[in-house]
Amino acid sequence: MSQRKKLKVISSEETTDGVAEAVQAAVAEMKPDPEVRAVAKRRQFNAAYKLSVLAEVDQATEPGAVGALLRREGLYSSHLTVWRRERDAGALEALGRRRGRKAKMNAEQKRIAALEARNARLEHELAQAHAIIDVQKKLCTLLGLPTTAPEVNNGSES
């Protein structure tokens, strides 16, 4: 039942003495709650909205048109700056993509991913080994030691 109907029902049911009290109670009930939320909710704009606003701003030619647009939409000029950077970097197109879990890989894709990871690890270890060998060669040349290893005799004399 709407607030006005409640007010009429209360005023028609009450006597003239209690009408004033009932009306005051109904009016107090109709007032909006002035309490502010404890946690403010942050506004979020989707990629399509951002792109449409930027397109509209880019088409604005008259002086004050951008300001009018910002006031109408309840935006700040800093929004436009950030959104332009995102658009130029290609981030807005990425925002338009679907979210959620990626598709599951089949057995062959898992094997390929594991082999690529192993290959990358081995290449990293090889690069470390080459760096260590280069350092050892430089140290040998500084100390005047031979850079090739002498042949080892296995205990049998020829």
C-alpha atoms as a PDB file:
ATOM      1  CA  MET A   1       0.000   0.000   0.000  1.00  0.00           C
ATOM      2  CA  SER A   2       1.421   3.432  -0.919  1.00  0.00           C
ATOM      3  CA  GLN A   3       2.244   6.040   1.691  1.00  0.00           C
ATOM      4  CA  ARG A   4      -0.605   8.334   0.575  1.00  0.00           C
ATOM      5  CA  LYS A   5      -3.168   5.563   0.863  1.00  0.00           C
ATOM      6  CA  LYS A   6      -1.891   4.713   4.332  1.00  0.00           C
ATOM      7  CA  LEU A   7      -2.227   8.360   5.291  1.00  0.00           C
ATOM      8  CA  LYS A   8      -5.855   8.469   4.043  1.00  0.00           C
ATOM      9  CA  VAL A   9      -6.762   5.222   5.787  1.00  0.00           C
ATOM     10  CA  ILE A  10      -5.230   6.366   9.056  1.00  0.00           C
ATOM     11  CA  SER A  11      -6.904   9.768   8.902  1.00  0.00           C
ATOM     12  CA  SER A  12     -10.317   8.284   8.092  1.00  0.00           C
ATOM     13  CA  GLU A  13     -10.124   5.676  10.881  1.00  0.00           C
ATOM     14  CA  GLU A  14      -8.955   7.976  13.629  1.00  0.00           C
ATOM     15  CA  THR A  15     -11.020  10.424  15.530  1.00  0.00           C
ATOM     16  CA  THR A  16     -10.354  14.130  15.277  1.00  0.00           C
ATOM     17  CA  ASP A  17      -8.201  14.053  18.431  1.00  0.00           C
ATOM     18  CA  GLY A  18      -5.924  11.268  17.193  1.00  0.00           C
ATOM     19  CA  VAL A  19      -5.792  12.435  13.593  1.00  0.00           C
ATOM     20  CA  ALA A  20      -2.961  14.867  14.183  1.00  0.00           C
ATOM     21  CA  GLU A  21      -0.841  12.203  15.886  1.00  0.00           C
ATOM     22  CA  ALA A  22      -1.552   9.656  13.136  1.00  0.00           C
ATOM     23  CA  VAL A  23      -0.720  12.164  10.424  1.00  0.00           C
ATOM     24  CA  GLN A  24       2.555  13.071  12.115  1.00  0.00           C
ATOM     25  CA  ALA A  25       3.483   9.406  12.445  1.00  0.00           C
ATOM     26  CA  ALA A  26       2.653   8.773   8.781  1.00  0.00           C
ATOM     27  CA  VAL A  27       4.644  11.799   7.651  1.00  0.00           C
ATOM     28  CA  ALA A  28       7.616  10.682   9.751  1.00  0.00           C
ATOM     29  CA  GLU A  29       7.361   7.272   8.113  1.00  0.00           C
ATOM     30  CA  MET A  30       7.391   8.843   4.624  1.00  0.00           C
ATOM     31  CA  LYS A  31      10.685  10.750   5.129  1.00  0.00           C
ATOM     32  CA  PRO A  32      13.719   9.194   3.451  1.00  0.00           C
ATOM     33  CA  ASP A  33      16.362   7.634   5.615  1.00  0.00           C
ATOM     34  CA  PRO A  34      19.262  10.124   5.891  1.00  0.00           C
ATOM     35  CA  GLU A  35      21.750   7.457   6.946  1.00  0.00           C
ATOM     36  CA  VAL A  36      24.830   7.156   4.744  1.00  0.00           C
ATOM     37  CA  ARG A  37      26.176   3.735   3.887  1.00  0.00           C
ATOM     38  CA  ALA A  38      29.184   2.717   5.917  1.00  0.00           C
ATOM     39  CA  VAL A  39      30.998   1.350   2.881  1.00  0.00           C
ATOM     40  CA  ALA A  40      30.919   3.442  -0.261  1.00  0.00           C
ATOM     41  CA  LYS A  41      30.396   1.518  -3.476  1.00  0.00           C
ATOM     42  CA  ARG A  42      32.868   2.320  -6.207  1.00  0.00           C
ATOM     43  CA  ARG A  43      31.465   3.041  -9.646  1.00  0.00           C
ATOM     44  CA  GLN A  44      32.464   0.685 -12.426  1.00  0.00           C
ATOM     45  CA  PHE A  45      32.159   1.440 -16.121  1.00  0.00           C
ATOM     46  CA  ASN A  46      32.218  -1.255 -18.778  1.00  0.00           C
ATOM     47  CA  ALA A  47      34.379  -1.027 -21.888  1.00  0.00           C
ATOM     48  CA  ALA A  48      31.478  -0.314 -24.247  1.00  0.00           C
ATOM     49  CA  TYR A  49      30.362   2.667 -22.138  1.00  0.00           C
ATOM     50  CA  LYS A  50      33.916   4.051 -21.990  1.00  0.00           C
ATOM     51  CA  LEU A  51      34.332   3.755 -25.746  1.00  0.00           C
ATOM     52  CA  SER A  52      30.960   5.383 -26.434  1.00  0.00           C
ATOM     53  CA  VAL A  53      31.778   8.337 -24.158  1.00  0.00           C
ATOM     54  CA  LEU A  54      35.198   8.752 -25.793  1.00  0.00           C
ATOM     55  CA  ALA A  55      33.603   8.664 -29.253  1.00  0.00           C
ATOM     56  CA  GLU A  56      31.109  11.316 -28.202  1.00  0.00           C
ATOM     57  CA  VAL A  57      33.890  13.472 -26.743  1.00  0.00           C
ATOM     58  CA  ASP A  58      35.933  13.113 -29.931  1.00  0.00           C
ATOM     59  CA  GLN A  59      32.947  14.309 -31.996  1.00  0.00           C
ATOM     60  CA  ALA A  60      32.335  17.365 -29.779  1.00  0.00           C
ATOM     61  CA  THR A  61      33.392  20.515 -31.638  1.00  0.00           C
ATOM     62  CA  GLU A  62      31.561  23.329 -29.875  1.00  0.00           C
ATOM     63  CA  PRO A  63      33.167  25.076 -26.885  1.00  0.00           C
ATOM     64  CA  GLY A  64      31.791  23.694 -23.627  1.00  0.00           C
ATOM     65  CA  ALA A  65      30.370  20.554 -25.219  1.00  0.00           C
ATOM     66  CA  VAL A  66      32.814  18.271 -23.417  1.00  0.00           C
ATOM     67  CA  GLY A  67      32.047  19.914 -20.082  1.00  0.00           C
ATOM     68  CA  ALA A  68      28.321  19.513 -20.684  1.00  0.00           C
ATOM     69  CA  LEU A  69      28.832  15.852 -21.513  1.00  0.00           C
ATOM     70  CA  LEU A  70      30.868  15.309 -18.352  1.00  0.00           C
ATOM     71  CA  ARG A  71      28.201  16.992 -16.206  1.00  0.00           C
ATOM     72  CA  ARG A  72      25.416  15.016 -17.875  1.00  0.00           C
ATOM     73  CA  GLU A  73      27.191  11.697 -17.338  1.00  0.00           C
ATOM     74  CA  GLY A  74      28.544  12.586 -13.882  1.00  0.00           C
ATOM     75  CA  LEU A  75      32.163  12.043 -14.914  1.00  0.00           C
ATOM     76  CA  TYR A  76      35.459  13.802 -14.303  1.00  0.00           C
ATOM     77  CA  SER A  77      37.989  14.901 -16.899  1.00  0.00           C
ATOM     78  CA  SER A  78      40.497  12.516 -15.305  1.00  0.00           C
ATOM     79  CA  HIS A  79      38.217   9.653 -16.383  1.00  0.00           C
ATOM     80  CA  LEU A  80      38.673  10.723 -19.995  1.00  0.00           C
ATOM     81  CA  THR A  81      42.451  10.917 -19.589  1.00  0.00           C
ATOM     82  CA  VAL A  82      42.710   7.415 -18.157  1.00  0.00           C
ATOM     83  CA  TRP A  83      40.244   5.974 -20.668  1.00  0.00           C
ATOM     84  CA  ARG A  84      42.172   7.511 -23.595  1.00  0.00           C
ATOM     85  CA  ARG A  85      45.388   5.914 -22.325  1.00  0.00           C
ATOM     86  CA  GLU A  86      43.615   2.571 -21.987  1.00  0.00           C
ATOM     87  CA  ARG A  87      42.158   2.894 -25.480  1.00  0.00           C
ATOM     88  CA  ASP A  88      45.541   3.754 -27.000  1.00  0.00           C
ATOM     89  CA  ALA A  89      47.181   0.825 -25.201  1.00  0.00           C
ATOM     90  CA  GLY A  90      44.443  -1.541 -26.394  1.00  0.00           C
ATOM     91  CA  ALA A  91      43.259  -2.276 -22.863  1.00  0.00           C
ATOM     92  CA  LEU A  92      39.612  -1.445 -23.545  1.00  0.00           C
ATOM     93  CA  GLU A  93      39.341  -4.142 -26.184  1.00  0.00           C
ATOM     94  CA  ALA A  94      40.785  -6.585 -23.680  1.00  0.00           C
ATOM     95  CA  LEU A  95      38.173  -5.509 -21.127  1.00  0.00           C
ATOM     96  CA  GLY A  96      35.411  -6.440 -23.548  1.00  0.00           C
ATOM     97  CA  ARG A  97      36.535 -10.054 -23.636  1.00  0.00           C
ATOM     98  CA  ARG A  98      34.762 -12.720 -21.670  1.00  0.00           C
ATOM     99  CA  ARG A  99      35.972 -13.404 -18.187  1.00  0.00           C
ATOM    100  CA  GLY A 100      36.218 -16.657 -16.345  1.00  0.00           C
ATOM    101  CA  ARG A 101      38.146 -19.860 -16.548  1.00  0.00           C
ATOM    102  CA  LYS A 102      40.098 -20.609 -19.638  1.00  0.00           C
ATOM    103  CA  ALA A 103      39.206 -23.660 -21.665  1.00  0.00           C
ATOM    104  CA  LYS A 104      40.770 -26.884 -20.434  1.00  0.00           C
ATOM    105  CA  MET A 105      43.766 -28.172 -22.367  1.00  0.00           C
ATOM    106  CA  ASN A 106      43.704 -31.577 -23.949  1.00  0.00           C
ATOM    107  CA  ALA A 107      46.502 -34.112 -23.400  1.00  0.00           C
ATOM    108  CA  GLU A 108      48.544 -32.982 -26.402  1.00  0.00           C
ATOM    109  CA  GLN A 109      48.405 -29.329 -25.359  1.00  0.00           C
ATOM    110  CA  LYS A 110      49.478 -30.253 -21.821  1.00  0.00           C
ATOM    111  CA  ARG A 111      52.416 -32.245 -23.190  1.00  0.00           C
ATOM    112  CA  ILE A 112      53.465 -29.356 -25.436  1.00  0.00           C
ATOM    113  CA  ALA A 113      53.258 -26.893 -22.540  1.00  0.00           C
ATOM    114  CA  ALA A 114      55.369 -29.188 -20.332  1.00  0.00           C
ATOM    115  CA  LEU A 115      57.977 -29.644 -23.077  1.00  0.00           C
ATOM    116  CA  GLU A 116      58.152 -25.898 -23.694  1.00  0.00           C
ATOM    117  CA  ALA A 117      58.641 -25.249 -19.974  1.00  0.00           C
ATOM    118  CA  ARG A 118      61.382 -27.910 -19.824  1.00  0.00           C
ATOM    119  CA  ASN A 119      63.053 -26.441 -22.900  1.00  0.00           C
ATOM    120  CA  ALA A 120      63.034 -22.949 -21.381  1.00  0.00           C
ATOM    121  CA  ARG A 121      64.519 -24.287 -18.115  1.00  0.00           C
ATOM    122  CA  LEU A 122      67.282 -26.167 -19.959  1.00  0.00           C
ATOM    123  CA  GLU A 123      68.121 -23.120 -22.084  1.00  0.00           C
ATOM    124  CA  HIS A 124      68.419 -21.057 -18.906  1.00  0.00           C
ATOM    125  CA  GLU A 125      70.748 -23.658 -17.344  1.00  0.00           C
ATOM    126  CA  LEU A 126      72.837 -23.760 -20.538  1.00  0.00           C
ATOM    127  CA  ALA A 127      73.206 -19.982 -20.527  1.00  0.00           C
ATOM    128  CA  GLN A 128      74.356 -20.158 -16.884  1.00  0.00           C
ATOM    129  CA  ALA A 129      76.898 -22.883 -17.738  1.00  0.00           C
ATOM    130  CA  HIS A 130      78.298 -20.816 -20.620  1.00  0.00           C
ATOM    131  CA  ALA A 131      78.641 -17.804 -18.319  1.00  0.00           C
ATOM    132  CA  ILE A 132      80.501 -19.885 -15.723  1.00  0.00           C
ATOM    133  CA  ILE A 133      82.851 -21.322 -18.379  1.00  0.00           C
ATOM    134  CA  ASP A 134      83.596 -17.824 -19.706  1.00  0.00           C
ATOM    135  CA  VAL A 135      84.434 -16.621 -16.197  1.00  0.00           C
ATOM    136  CA  GLN A 136      86.712 -19.635 -15.642  1.00  0.00           C
ATOM    137  CA  LYS A 137      88.550 -18.974 -18.913  1.00  0.00           C
ATOM    138  CA  LYS A 138      89.096 -15.324 -17.991  1.00  0.00           C
ATOM    139  CA  LEU A 139      90.369 -16.320 -14.546  1.00  0.00           C
ATOM    140  CA  CYS A 140      92.809 -18.830 -16.089  1.00  0.00           C
ATOM    141  CA  THR A 141      94.192 -16.221 -18.471  1.00  0.00           C
ATOM    142  CA  LEU A 142      94.640 -13.730 -15.612  1.00  0.00           C
ATOM    143  CA  LEU A 143      96.470 -16.278 -13.475  1.00  0.00           C
ATOM    144  CA  GLY A 144      98.509 -17.617 -16.382  1.00  0.00           C
ATOM    145  CA  LEU A 145      97.090 -21.120 -16.152  1.00  0.00           C
ATOM    146  CA  PRO A 146      96.465 -23.278 -19.210  1.00  0.00           C
ATOM    147  CA  THR A 147      92.905 -23.045 -20.535  1.00  0.00           C
ATOM    148  CA  THR A 148      92.768 -26.627 -21.800  1.00  0.00           C
ATOM    149  CA  ALA A 149      92.610 -29.521 -19.375  1.00  0.00           C
ATOM    150  CA  PRO A 150      95.612 -31.880 -19.394  1.00  0.00           C
ATOM    151  CA  GLU A 151      94.871 -35.433 -20.420  1.00  0.00           C
ATOM    152  CA  VAL A 152      94.374 -37.739 -17.469  1.00  0.00           C
ATOM    153  CA  ASN A 153      96.202 -41.040 -17.391  1.00  0.00           C
ATOM    154  CA  ASN A 154      93.958 -43.936 -16.319  1.00  0.00           C
ATOM    155  CA  GLY A 155      96.746 -45.642 -14.405  1.00  0.00           C
ATOM    156  CA  SER A 156      97.916 -47.769 -17.270  1.00  0.00           C
ATOM    157  CA  GLU A 157     101.201 -46.825 -18.790  1.00  0.00           C
ATOM    158  CA  SER A 158     101.802 -47.340 -22.442  1.00  0.00           C
END
